[in-house]
């Protein structure tokens, strides 16, 4: 009888009570997937209301309730967590399967609570002051602020003593509270105001554009600037260093979006790039910022009528069925909306084909759009196939192994995964393989000294002691670096050695780029390929390509299921 590592893992997992949790929240579609109200979808879920209470629905496997409607209010999912309010008015947090991760102890501003960069602004109900917590729900700052805004690029604007300031993720002041206004950072700069005038501040708290402009908009590391003059307006753009570019031709300026900014020339709108060069001629009577690679525009026709459509970044115009820009929504993903008088709106795609009629519509949220029909609110998708919200971004070929790995408790140490197609880091691989090793019966020393100066991860220390991984040097592990495919094979072969097992060689794959495998990994690549643990891509092994999370999980599960000598 063949022996497999998976049999051992299953035995340990069952003894530990790990199996059976991953699919506990399966629910049936509710009345064909229609609801009383719906918020903008996020991370594969849409907040929905039924009979006065809020929960969450998904379109994966059919539009259905994924988390029961049991809350007086909710916020959309962010970084795998959603804030929910109980009947007493306090807020807590749930995970993607509806489990309560943090008790109902927080207050929230009117817009609700959402994580950004692993941190969320909350209100202490006792003091009424704002502070920040992390995804473990531990406070990362004091509760000292009259208002607090989401983190962006490691910085956040806060209000204290009636003034705005900027703090880092530890609550340290980058700019003390002495500004009249401050917004989120984008591309290393943020919009600020002093004395009723606008300027631009960098991430060090230094003003790179003085507060002397009547209008300023900051996005994508670029600032659009405007002030009134005796002859009209002075318009300019500035980069993150504060270098200003002006043109006497610009009569009005909007803000940057997707690298382009709308400007008015001789009463018509066009678009400039980051260098101030015109890329879309100024021929439109109205224009909105770019979204989804297209910008809604309106132009005047010779017969006095108006026509609205979309223009791309190269200046190519495509007419729609709309006559005014107000009827057109912005493209997000593959879809946009078009109003139809006062009766409803169409959902239209890039080819401008009308496909769905609705009486209400939410913005596109991660590929899902809420639409209101005569039966109520439901969901449609601009993606085929639909993505599983419980495993964001996972490919169809990897889904079964990812689900099994989670069922066995192997995924949990990685925390929230924004996309399984993201490259796995060295520290994440150690966290994953550490559980695999211990569930497979691997021996670990009771006390092991940390040889590395750049990480304190217990999983990294254990796996290094077991000989599964090495540091880049004797003292540096480089935990945030990615792992190449040949490195991953070497680590898996060392895992086998540590577990004292050898997978049977049942295949003889040939890769046309085998010579690109580095010599120290060649035997490991041949072993893992021969055991069917790793496959090629169109005849290539691609040894220097960084491995994704889903690839690492699939390889690990194939190793678990491989026959052993």
Protein backbone atom coordinates (compact mmCIF):
# COMPACT_ATOMS: atom_id res chain seq x y z
CA UNK A 1 0.00 0.00 0.00
CA UNK A 2 1.38 3.40 -0.99
CA UNK A 3 2.31 5.86 1.69
CA UNK A 4 1.46 9.58 1.45
CA UNK A 5 2.22 12.58 3.66
CA UNK A 6 -1.42 13.67 3.32
CA UNK A 7 -2.58 10.66 5.31
CA UNK A 8 -0.45 11.75 8.25
CA UNK A 9 -1.59 15.38 7.94
CA UNK A 10 -5.25 14.36 7.85
CA UNK A 11 -4.80 12.26 10.98
CA UNK A 12 -3.15 15.11 12.89
CA UNK A 13 -5.71 17.64 11.59
CA UNK A 14 -8.67 15.49 12.62
CA UNK A 15 -7.16 14.94 16.06
CA UNK A 16 -6.70 18.70 16.40
CA UNK A 17 -10.25 19.39 15.24
CA UNK A 18 -9.10 21.47 12.29
CA UNK A 19 -11.11 19.89 9.50
CA UNK A 20 -14.67 20.82 8.71
CA UNK A 21 -14.51 24.57 9.26
CA UNK A 22 -13.90 25.84 5.76
CA UNK A 23 -17.34 25.11 4.39
CA UNK A 24 -19.48 25.75 7.44
CA UNK A 25 -21.10 28.87 6.05
CA UNK A 26 -22.74 27.51 2.91
CA UNK A 27 -26.18 29.07 2.54
CA UNK A 28 -29.01 28.71 0.08
CA UNK A 29 -29.96 31.49 -2.39
CA UNK A 30 -32.55 33.83 -0.89
CA UNK A 31 -35.63 34.23 -3.08
CA UNK A 32 -33.58 33.95 -6.25
CA UNK A 33 -31.00 36.42 -4.97
CA UNK A 34 -32.99 39.68 -4.62
CA UNK A 35 -32.69 42.10 -1.70
CA UNK A 36 -34.29 45.27 -0.29
CA UNK A 37 -31.13 47.39 -0.50
CA UNK A 38 -27.47 46.99 -1.45
CA UNK A 39 -24.17 48.85 -0.99
CA UNK A 40 -21.21 48.95 -3.37
CA UNK A 41 -19.62 45.46 -3.54
CA UNK A 42 -16.13 44.98 -2.16
CA UNK A 43 -13.80 41.97 -2.15
CA UNK A 44 -16.47 39.75 -3.69
CA UNK A 45 -19.22 40.61 -1.20
CA UNK A 46 -22.06 43.12 -1.31
CA UNK A 47 -23.72 44.41 1.84
CA UNK A 48 -27.46 43.71 1.52
CA UNK A 49 -30.56 44.49 3.59
CA UNK A 50 -33.46 42.15 4.23
CA UNK A 51 -36.37 42.96 6.52
CA UNK A 52 -34.52 45.89 8.05
CA UNK A 53 -31.29 44.05 8.87
CA UNK A 54 -27.97 43.94 7.01
CA UNK A 55 -25.74 41.07 5.96
CA UNK A 56 -23.66 40.14 2.93
CA UNK A 57 -24.33 38.45 -0.41
CA UNK A 58 -22.05 37.06 -3.09
CA UNK A 59 -22.57 36.13 -6.72
CA UNK A 60 -20.19 33.16 -6.61
CA UNK A 61 -22.22 30.01 -7.22
CA UNK A 62 -25.34 32.11 -7.78
CA UNK A 63 -26.47 35.28 -6.07
CA UNK A 64 -27.13 34.31 -2.46
CA UNK A 65 -26.77 35.34 1.15
CA UNK A 66 -23.25 34.51 2.29
CA UNK A 67 -23.46 36.04 5.78
CA UNK A 68 -26.87 36.22 7.46
CA UNK A 69 -28.68 39.55 7.69
CA UNK A 70 -28.48 40.09 11.44
CA UNK A 71 -26.96 43.56 11.92
CA UNK A 72 -28.40 47.05 12.22
CA UNK A 73 -25.65 48.45 9.96
CA UNK A 74 -22.51 47.20 8.20
CA UNK A 75 -19.50 48.55 6.32
CA UNK A 76 -18.13 46.93 3.15
CA UNK A 77 -15.38 44.33 3.46
CA UNK A 78 -11.82 45.62 3.52
CA UNK A 79 -8.75 43.44 3.87
CA UNK A 80 -10.91 40.43 4.74
CA UNK A 81 -12.84 42.12 7.55
CA UNK A 82 -16.19 43.90 7.70
CA UNK A 83 -17.43 46.17 10.48
CA UNK A 84 -20.93 45.32 11.75
CA UNK A 85 -23.15 47.15 14.25
CA UNK A 86 -25.33 45.47 16.85
CA UNK A 87 -28.70 46.65 18.13
CA UNK A 88 -27.01 48.62 20.94
CA UNK A 89 -25.14 50.78 18.44
CA UNK A 90 -21.66 49.33 18.99
CA UNK A 91 -19.42 48.06 16.19
CA UNK A 92 -17.42 44.85 15.89
CA UNK A 93 -15.73 43.01 13.03
CA UNK A 94 -16.52 39.76 11.21
CA UNK A 95 -14.46 37.65 8.80
CA UNK A 96 -15.42 36.41 5.34
CA UNK A 97 -17.33 33.45 6.77
CA UNK A 98 -19.34 35.55 9.20
CA UNK A 99 -17.34 34.62 12.30
CA UNK A 100 -17.07 37.39 14.89
CA UNK A 101 -13.40 38.40 14.98
CA UNK A 102 -13.74 41.41 17.31
CA UNK A 103 -16.50 42.02 19.85
CA UNK A 104 -18.90 44.98 19.69
CA UNK A 105 -16.82 47.57 21.54
CA UNK A 106 -16.18 50.40 19.05
CA UNK A 107 -17.89 53.53 17.88
CA UNK A 108 -17.78 54.60 14.24
CA UNK A 109 -18.10 57.79 12.20
CA UNK A 110 -21.07 58.21 9.89
CA UNK A 111 -19.28 56.47 7.01
CA UNK A 112 -18.61 53.30 9.02
CA UNK A 113 -15.30 51.50 9.58
CA UNK A 114 -12.87 50.13 6.98
CA UNK A 115 -9.29 48.93 7.12
CA UNK A 116 -6.62 50.50 4.95
CA UNK A 117 -3.05 49.21 4.90
CA UNK A 118 -3.88 46.98 7.88
CA UNK A 119 -5.11 49.85 10.07
CA UNK A 120 -8.60 51.19 10.83
CA UNK A 121 -9.72 54.42 12.49
CA UNK A 122 -12.24 53.76 15.28
CA UNK A 123 -13.94 55.76 18.03
CA UNK A 124 -13.48 54.97 21.71
CA UNK A 125 -17.11 55.05 22.98
CA UNK A 126 -16.06 56.28 26.43
CA UNK A 127 -14.03 59.30 25.37
CA UNK A 128 -15.58 59.88 21.95
CA UNK A 129 -12.05 60.31 20.55
CA UNK A 130 -10.59 58.68 17.46
CA UNK A 131 -7.64 56.30 17.36
CA UNK A 132 -6.36 53.45 15.20
CA UNK A 133 -6.34 49.66 15.56
CA UNK A 134 -4.62 46.93 13.53
CA UNK A 135 -6.11 43.70 12.14
CA UNK A 136 -5.44 42.02 15.50
CA UNK A 137 -7.68 44.79 16.95
CA UNK A 138 -4.86 46.14 19.08
CA UNK A 139 -4.49 49.92 19.39
CA UNK A 140 -1.55 51.26 17.37
CA UNK A 141 -2.04 54.89 18.48
CA UNK A 142 -3.62 56.62 21.42
CA UNK A 143 -7.24 57.77 21.30
CA UNK A 144 -6.31 61.43 21.09
CA UNK A 145 -7.93 62.77 17.92
CA UNK A 146 -11.10 64.70 17.17
CA UNK A 147 -11.16 63.04 13.74
CA UNK A 148 -9.01 60.51 11.92
CA UNK A 149 -8.80 59.51 8.27
CA UNK A 150 -7.68 56.33 6.46
CA UNK A 151 -4.00 55.51 6.08
CA UNK A 152 -2.46 55.87 2.65
CA UNK A 153 1.19 55.15 1.87
CA UNK A 154 1.87 54.71 5.57
CA UNK A 155 0.52 58.13 6.57
CA UNK A 156 -2.84 59.48 7.78
CA UNK A 157 -4.36 62.88 8.40
CA UNK A 158 -5.79 63.50 11.87
CA UNK A 159 -7.47 66.43 13.62
CA UNK A 160 -6.33 67.64 17.04
CA UNK A 161 -7.04 70.97 18.68
CA UNK A 162 -9.04 72.09 15.66
CA UNK A 163 -6.08 71.66 13.30
CA UNK A 164 -4.99 68.96 10.87
CA UNK A 165 -1.73 67.06 11.15
CA UNK A 166 -0.20 63.89 9.69
CA UNK A 167 0.97 60.82 11.62
CA UNK A 168 2.75 57.57 10.71
CA UNK A 169 1.53 54.06 11.56
CA UNK A 170 3.03 54.31 15.07
CA UNK A 171 1.26 57.57 15.85
CA UNK A 172 4.39 59.69 15.46
CA UNK A 173 3.87 63.18 14.07
CA UNK A 174 5.18 63.68 10.54
CA UNK A 175 3.51 67.09 10.44
CA UNK A 176 2.19 68.52 13.69
CA UNK A 177 -1.44 69.62 13.88
CA UNK A 178 -1.00 73.12 12.46
CA UNK A 179 -2.71 72.84 9.08
CA UNK A 180 -6.20 74.06 8.21
CA UNK A 181 -6.79 70.96 6.09
CA UNK A 182 -5.01 67.83 4.87
CA UNK A 183 -5.98 64.97 2.61
CA UNK A 184 -4.64 61.46 1.96
CA UNK A 185 -1.26 60.89 0.35
CA UNK A 186 -1.08 59.81 -3.28
CA UNK A 187 2.21 59.17 -5.00
CA UNK A 188 4.20 60.61 -2.11
CA UNK A 189 2.37 63.93 -1.81
CA UNK A 190 -0.80 65.27 -0.18
CA UNK A 191 -3.06 68.29 -0.56
CA UNK A 192 -2.93 70.73 2.38
CA UNK A 193 -4.33 74.17 3.19
CA UNK A 194 -3.14 77.09 5.31
CA UNK A 195 -4.95 80.40 5.58
CA UNK A 196 -7.50 79.53 2.91
CA UNK A 197 -4.84 78.75 0.30
CA UNK A 198 -3.83 75.35 -1.05
CA UNK A 199 -0.44 73.72 -1.44
CA UNK A 200 1.29 70.36 -1.58
CA UNK A 201 3.21 68.51 1.16
CA UNK A 202 5.57 65.56 0.75
CA UNK A 203 5.87 62.46 2.96
CA UNK A 204 8.50 64.17 5.12
CA UNK A 205 6.07 66.92 6.08
CA UNK A 206 7.74 69.56 3.90
CA UNK A 207 5.73 71.88 1.65
CA UNK A 208 6.99 71.29 -1.89
CA UNK A 209 4.36 73.66 -3.31
CA UNK A 210 3.65 76.65 -1.02
CA UNK A 211 0.07 77.25 0.10
CA UNK A 212 -0.64 80.10 -2.30
CA UNK A 213 -3.13 78.56 -4.77
CA UNK A 214 -6.91 79.04 -4.78
CA UNK A 215 -7.45 75.48 -6.08
CA UNK A 216 -5.33 72.35 -5.95
CA UNK A 217 -6.02 68.66 -6.54
CA UNK A 218 -3.51 65.90 -5.76
CA UNK A 219 -3.57 62.38 -7.19
CA UNK A 220 -1.06 59.84 -8.52
CA UNK A 221 1.91 61.93 -7.43
CA UNK A 222 0.78 64.94 -9.47
CA UNK A 223 -0.84 68.21 -8.45
CA UNK A 224 -3.16 70.33 -10.58
CA UNK A 225 -3.04 73.99 -9.51
CA UNK A 226 -5.26 76.95 -10.28
CA UNK A 227 -5.68 80.55 -9.15
CA UNK A 228 -7.79 83.44 -10.45
CA UNK A 229 -6.09 86.33 -12.21
CA UNK A 230 -7.30 89.59 -13.74
CA UNK A 231 -7.45 87.88 -17.14
CA UNK A 232 -8.96 84.57 -16.07
CA UNK A 233 -7.05 81.74 -14.40
CA UNK A 234 -3.42 80.79 -13.95
CA UNK A 235 -3.15 77.00 -14.30
CA UNK A 236 -0.19 74.73 -13.63
CA UNK A 237 0.84 71.19 -12.75
CA UNK A 238 3.48 70.04 -10.25
CA UNK A 239 5.20 66.69 -9.74
CA UNK A 240 6.13 65.10 -6.40
CA UNK A 241 9.32 67.15 -6.19
CA UNK A 242 7.35 70.38 -6.51
CA UNK A 243 8.61 71.22 -10.00
CA UNK A 244 5.91 73.37 -11.64
CA UNK A 245 4.94 73.38 -15.33
CA UNK A 246 2.66 76.16 -16.63
CA UNK A 247 1.01 76.98 -19.94
CA UNK A 248 -0.64 80.20 -21.03
CA UNK A 249 -3.02 78.11 -23.15
CA UNK A 250 -4.65 76.38 -20.20
CA UNK A 251 -7.76 78.29 -19.17
CA UNK A 252 -8.95 75.78 -16.56
CA UNK A 253 -7.61 72.55 -15.09
CA UNK A 254 -9.17 69.53 -13.32
CA UNK A 255 -7.18 66.69 -11.70
CA UNK A 256 -5.08 63.69 -12.73
CA UNK A 257 -6.58 60.26 -13.17
CA UNK A 258 -4.78 57.32 -14.78
CA UNK A 259 -1.92 59.59 -15.74
CA UNK A 260 -4.00 62.19 -17.60
CA UNK A 261 -5.52 65.53 -16.59
CA UNK A 262 -8.38 67.45 -18.23
CA UNK A 263 -7.54 71.04 -19.26
CA UNK A 264 -9.57 73.70 -21.04
CA UNK A 265 -8.14 75.44 -24.10
CA UNK A 266 -10.20 78.08 -25.92
CA UNK A 267 -13.35 76.96 -24.15
CA UNK A 268 -12.94 73.24 -25.01
CA UNK A 269 -11.69 70.32 -22.96
CA UNK A 270 -8.83 67.96 -23.76
CA UNK A 271 -6.24 66.00 -21.76
CA UNK A 272 -2.55 66.40 -20.97
CA UNK A 273 -0.06 63.83 -19.68
CA UNK A 274 2.26 64.10 -16.67
CA UNK A 275 4.71 66.23 -18.66
CA UNK A 276 1.98 68.68 -19.66
CA UNK A 277 1.88 67.47 -23.28
CA UNK A 278 -1.53 67.35 -24.97
CA UNK A 279 -2.53 63.75 -25.76
CA UNK A 280 -6.28 64.25 -26.32
CA UNK A 281 -7.06 67.41 -28.33
CA UNK A 282 -9.27 70.03 -26.69
CA UNK A 283 -12.44 69.57 -28.77
CA UNK A 284 -15.04 68.60 -26.15
CA UNK A 285 -17.55 70.84 -24.42
CA UNK A 286 -17.43 68.71 -21.22
CA UNK A 287 -15.10 66.01 -19.91
CA UNK A 288 -14.72 63.86 -16.79
CA UNK A 289 -11.59 62.16 -15.39
CA UNK A 290 -10.35 58.87 -16.88
CA UNK A 291 -11.62 55.64 -15.36
CA UNK A 292 -11.11 52.14 -16.70
CA UNK A 293 -9.01 53.54 -19.56
CA UNK A 294 -11.83 55.76 -20.82
CA UNK A 295 -13.15 59.24 -20.06
CA UNK A 296 -16.75 60.34 -20.54
CA UNK A 297 -16.93 63.40 -22.82
CA UNK A 298 -19.59 65.52 -24.49
CA UNK A 299 -19.36 67.41 -27.75
CA UNK A 300 -21.57 69.83 -29.65
CA UNK A 301 -22.96 68.75 -33.03
CA UNK A 302 -23.42 71.01 -36.02
CA UNK A 303 -27.21 70.86 -35.80
CA UNK A 304 -27.15 72.24 -32.26
CA UNK A 305 -27.64 68.91 -30.49
CA UNK A 306 -25.11 67.38 -28.14
CA UNK A 307 -23.62 63.90 -28.12
CA UNK A 308 -21.81 62.06 -25.34
CA UNK A 309 -19.42 59.15 -25.52
CA UNK A 310 -16.03 57.93 -24.36
CA UNK A 311 -12.48 58.80 -25.38
CA UNK A 312 -9.37 56.68 -24.75
CA UNK A 313 -5.89 57.86 -23.86
CA UNK A 314 -4.87 58.06 -27.51
CA UNK A 315 -7.74 60.41 -28.32
CA UNK A 316 -9.97 57.85 -30.04
CA UNK A 317 -13.64 58.74 -29.56
CA UNK A 318 -16.53 56.26 -29.39
CA UNK A 319 -20.10 57.51 -29.44
CA UNK A 320 -22.69 56.04 -27.08
CA UNK A 321 -26.46 56.19 -27.06
CA UNK A 322 -26.39 59.21 -24.73
CA UNK A 323 -26.87 62.84 -25.64
CA UNK A 324 -25.35 64.38 -22.50
CA UNK A 325 -22.43 63.49 -20.28
CA UNK A 326 -24.70 63.35 -17.25
CA UNK A 327 -26.27 60.19 -18.68
CA UNK A 328 -22.94 58.34 -18.73
CA UNK A 329 -21.26 56.62 -15.83
CA UNK A 330 -17.52 56.09 -15.51
CA UNK A 331 -15.98 52.84 -16.66
CA UNK A 332 -14.70 50.56 -13.90
CA UNK A 333 -13.43 47.20 -15.04
CA UNK A 334 -15.47 46.25 -18.07
CA UNK A 335 -18.67 48.10 -17.33
CA UNK A 336 -20.25 51.52 -17.07
CA UNK A 337 -23.80 52.78 -16.61
CA UNK A 338 -26.01 54.94 -18.76
CA UNK A 339 -29.09 56.73 -17.49
CA UNK A 340 -32.34 56.32 -19.42
CA UNK A 341 -34.35 59.44 -18.68
CA UNK A 342 -35.95 59.25 -15.25
CA UNK A 343 -36.98 55.60 -15.53
CA UNK A 344 -33.76 53.70 -15.01
CA UNK A 345 -30.33 53.03 -16.46
CA UNK A 346 -28.60 50.63 -18.79
CA UNK A 347 -25.49 48.64 -18.03
CA UNK A 348 -23.22 49.03 -21.04
CA UNK A 349 -19.94 47.36 -21.90
CA UNK A 350 -16.84 48.48 -23.79
CA UNK A 351 -18.51 47.73 -27.12
CA UNK A 352 -21.42 49.95 -26.02
CA UNK A 353 -23.86 47.07 -26.21
CA UNK A 354 -26.83 47.52 -23.89
CA UNK A 355 -27.25 44.35 -21.85
CA UNK A 356 -29.26 44.96 -18.69
CA UNK A 357 -31.98 47.43 -17.70
CA UNK A 358 -32.09 48.53 -14.06
CA UNK A 359 -33.83 51.13 -11.90
CA UNK A 360 -30.80 51.67 -9.72
CA UNK A 361 -27.13 50.74 -9.82
CA UNK A 362 -24.14 50.69 -7.48
CA UNK A 363 -20.62 51.55 -8.54
CA UNK A 364 -18.53 48.64 -9.79
CA UNK A 365 -16.83 47.05 -6.80
CA UNK A 366 -14.06 44.58 -7.64
CA UNK A 367 -15.94 43.29 -10.69
CA UNK A 368 -19.41 43.14 -9.14
CA UNK A 369 -22.23 45.63 -9.75
CA UNK A 370 -25.45 45.87 -7.79
CA UNK A 371 -28.52 46.57 -9.91
CA UNK A 372 -32.09 47.27 -8.85
CA UNK A 373 -34.82 45.52 -10.83
CA UNK A 374 -38.55 45.35 -10.24
CA UNK A 375 -37.89 42.32 -7.99
CA UNK A 376 -35.29 44.08 -5.85
CA UNK A 377 -31.52 44.43 -5.77
CA UNK A 378 -29.26 41.73 -7.19
CA UNK A 379 -25.69 41.32 -8.48
CA UNK A 380 -24.14 41.01 -11.91
CA UNK A 381 -20.47 40.55 -12.75
CA UNK A 382 -18.14 41.91 -15.40
CA UNK A 383 -15.90 38.87 -15.00
CA UNK A 384 -16.17 35.37 -16.43
CA UNK A 385 -15.73 33.17 -14.53
CA UNK A 386 -16.72 34.73 -11.23
CA UNK A 387 -14.02 34.87 -8.58
CA UNK A 388 -14.51 33.07 -5.27
CA UNK A 389 -14.59 35.80 -2.60
CA UNK A 390 -13.38 33.40 0.08
CA UNK A 391 -10.18 32.85 -1.91
CA UNK A 392 -9.51 36.17 -3.70
CA UNK A 393 -7.89 35.85 -7.11
CA UNK A 394 -7.40 32.08 -6.92
CA UNK A 395 -7.18 30.40 -10.33
CA UNK A 396 -9.58 27.58 -11.19
CA UNK A 397 -6.74 25.06 -11.42
CA UNK A 398 -5.61 25.91 -7.88
CA UNK A 399 -8.94 26.30 -6.09
CA UNK A 400 -9.38 22.70 -4.94
CA UNK A 401 -5.89 22.49 -3.45
CA UNK A 402 -6.23 25.92 -1.80
CA UNK A 403 -9.52 24.86 -0.23
CA UNK A 404 -7.98 21.60 1.02
CA UNK A 405 -4.97 23.44 2.42
CA UNK A 406 -7.23 25.80 4.32
CA UNK A 407 -9.34 22.91 5.56
CA UNK A 408 -6.17 21.43 7.02
CA UNK A 409 -5.25 24.70 8.74
CA UNK A 410 -2.26 25.41 6.51
CA UNK A 411 -3.47 28.78 5.18
CA UNK A 412 -4.38 30.39 8.51
CA UNK A 413 -0.83 31.53 9.43
CA UNK A 414 -0.71 33.67 6.26
CA UNK A 415 -3.56 35.87 7.49
CA UNK A 416 -5.73 37.73 5.01
CA UNK A 417 -4.64 37.18 1.41
CA UNK A 418 -5.70 39.93 -0.99
CA UNK A 419 -4.90 37.76 -4.02
CA UNK A 420 -3.64 34.21 -4.28
CA UNK A 421 -1.89 35.24 -7.49
CA UNK A 422 0.36 37.59 -5.52
CA UNK A 423 3.98 36.50 -5.19
CA UNK A 424 4.67 34.59 -2.00
CA UNK A 425 7.38 35.96 0.25
CA UNK A 426 10.07 33.96 2.03
CA UNK A 427 8.48 34.65 5.41
CA UNK A 428 5.01 33.62 4.18
CA UNK A 429 6.37 30.38 2.77
CA UNK A 430 7.97 29.59 6.13
CA UNK A 431 4.69 30.29 7.96
CA UNK A 432 2.90 27.93 5.58
CA UNK A 433 5.48 25.15 5.51
CA UNK A 434 5.98 25.33 9.29
CA UNK A 435 2.41 24.13 9.87
CA UNK A 436 2.80 21.49 7.14
CA UNK A 437 6.03 20.25 8.74
CA UNK A 438 4.59 19.96 12.22
CA UNK A 439 1.33 18.33 11.03
CA UNK A 440 3.46 15.82 9.11
CA UNK A 441 5.20 14.77 12.30
CA UNK A 442 8.37 16.80 11.85
CA UNK A 443 10.54 17.18 14.91
CA UNK A 444 11.26 20.66 16.25
CA UNK A 445 13.79 21.64 18.88
CA UNK A 446 12.41 23.03 22.13
CA UNK A 447 14.67 26.07 22.18
CA UNK A 448 16.30 27.50 19.09
CA UNK A 449 18.31 30.70 18.96
CA UNK A 450 17.40 33.17 16.22
CA UNK A 451 20.37 33.52 13.83
CA UNK A 452 18.80 36.38 11.88
CA UNK A 453 18.77 40.11 12.56
CA UNK A 454 15.97 41.02 10.13
CA UNK A 455 13.15 38.79 11.39
CA UNK A 456 11.74 37.46 14.64
CA UNK A 457 9.28 35.04 13.01
CA UNK A 458 9.07 31.82 15.00
CA UNK A 459 8.19 29.92 11.81
CA UNK A 460 11.31 31.19 10.03
CA UNK A 461 13.49 30.29 13.03
CA UNK A 462 12.02 26.75 13.26
CA UNK A 463 12.31 26.07 9.54
CA UNK A 464 15.89 27.32 9.47
CA UNK A 465 16.74 25.07 12.43
CA UNK A 466 15.10 22.13 10.62
CA UNK A 467 17.23 22.82 7.54
CA UNK A 468 14.27 23.62 5.29
CA UNK A 469 15.39 27.19 4.58
CA UNK A 470 18.63 29.15 4.73
CA UNK A 471 19.31 32.82 5.12
CA UNK A 472 20.68 35.00 2.36
CA UNK A 473 23.67 35.37 4.66
CA UNK A 474 24.43 33.99 8.08
CA UNK A 475 22.55 36.86 9.71
CA UNK A 476 20.08 38.09 7.05
CA UNK A 477 17.00 36.10 6.05
CA UNK A 478 15.36 38.69 3.73
CA UNK A 479 11.77 37.83 4.81
CA UNK A 480 9.94 40.10 2.34
CA UNK A 481 11.73 38.82 -0.77
CA UNK A 482 9.89 36.62 -3.26
CA UNK A 483 10.83 33.00 -4.05
CA UNK A 484 11.80 31.76 -7.49
CA UNK A 485 10.48 28.47 -8.82
CA UNK A 486 13.86 26.71 -8.57
CA UNK A 487 14.31 28.04 -5.00
CA UNK A 488 10.88 26.66 -4.12
CA UNK A 489 11.84 23.21 -5.44
CA UNK A 490 15.01 23.30 -3.33
CA UNK A 491 13.04 24.20 -0.22
CA UNK A 492 10.54 21.40 -0.88
CA UNK A 493 13.37 18.89 -1.32
CA UNK A 494 14.87 20.04 1.98
CA UNK A 495 11.44 19.65 3.56
CA UNK A 496 11.38 16.03 2.36
CA UNK A 497 14.84 15.49 3.83
CA UNK A 498 13.76 16.98 7.15
CA UNK A 499 10.70 14.68 7.17
CA UNK A 500 12.89 11.75 6.09
CA UNK A 501 10.72 10.96 3.05
CA UNK A 502 11.42 10.67 -0.66
CA UNK A 503 8.67 11.06 -3.29
CA UNK A 504 8.54 8.39 -6.01
CA UNK A 505 9.83 9.42 -9.42
CA UNK A 506 6.96 8.57 -11.79
CA UNK A 507 7.44 11.15 -14.56
CA UNK A 508 10.27 12.22 -16.84
CA UNK A 509 9.39 15.75 -17.87
CA UNK A 510 11.68 17.62 -20.23
CA UNK A 511 12.05 21.38 -20.10
CA UNK A 512 13.66 23.30 -22.92
CA UNK A 513 15.09 25.82 -20.45
CA UNK A 514 16.49 23.29 -17.94
CA UNK A 515 19.95 24.82 -18.42
CA UNK A 516 18.64 28.01 -16.82
CA UNK A 517 18.10 26.20 -13.52
CA UNK A 518 20.87 27.20 -11.15
CA UNK A 519 23.25 24.28 -10.38
CA UNK A 520 22.49 24.18 -6.66
CA UNK A 521 18.78 23.64 -7.40
CA UNK A 522 19.01 21.26 -10.38
CA UNK A 523 18.66 17.98 -8.47
CA UNK A 524 15.73 19.39 -6.48
CA UNK A 525 13.94 20.56 -9.64
CA UNK A 526 14.37 17.11 -11.22
CA UNK A 527 13.07 15.42 -8.05
CA UNK A 528 9.98 17.63 -7.74
CA UNK A 529 9.20 17.46 -11.47
CA UNK A 530 9.66 13.69 -11.52
CA UNK A 531 7.23 13.31 -8.61
CA UNK A 532 4.64 15.51 -10.34
CA UNK A 533 4.91 18.19 -7.67
CA UNK A 534 5.87 20.92 -10.12
CA UNK A 535 4.86 21.32 -13.76
CA UNK A 536 6.24 23.35 -16.60
CA UNK A 537 4.54 26.07 -18.59
CA UNK A 538 4.35 25.35 -22.34
CA UNK A 539 7.47 23.20 -22.17
CA UNK A 540 9.39 25.71 -20.05
CA UNK A 541 10.24 25.45 -16.38
CA UNK A 542 10.92 29.19 -15.92
CA UNK A 543 13.23 28.66 -12.94
CA UNK A 544 13.80 32.36 -12.19
CA UNK A 545 10.11 33.30 -12.24
CA UNK A 546 8.78 34.23 -8.80
CA UNK A 547 6.25 31.77 -7.42
CA UNK A 548 2.75 32.92 -6.48
CA UNK A 549 0.93 31.98 -3.30
CA UNK A 550 -1.38 29.64 -5.20
CA UNK A 551 1.57 27.94 -6.94
CA UNK A 552 3.29 27.34 -3.60
CA UNK A 553 0.08 25.95 -2.09
CA UNK A 554 -0.57 23.66 -5.05
CA UNK A 555 3.02 22.35 -5.02
CA UNK A 556 2.78 21.70 -1.30
CA UNK A 557 -0.48 19.81 -1.65
CA UNK A 558 0.87 17.79 -4.58
CA UNK A 559 3.80 16.84 -2.39
CA UNK A 560 1.37 15.84 0.36
CA UNK A 561 -0.50 13.60 -2.10
CA UNK A 562 2.61 12.17 -3.83
CA UNK A 563 3.47 8.51 -3.34
CA UNK A 564 6.58 7.96 -1.24
CA UNK A 565 9.32 5.39 -1.61
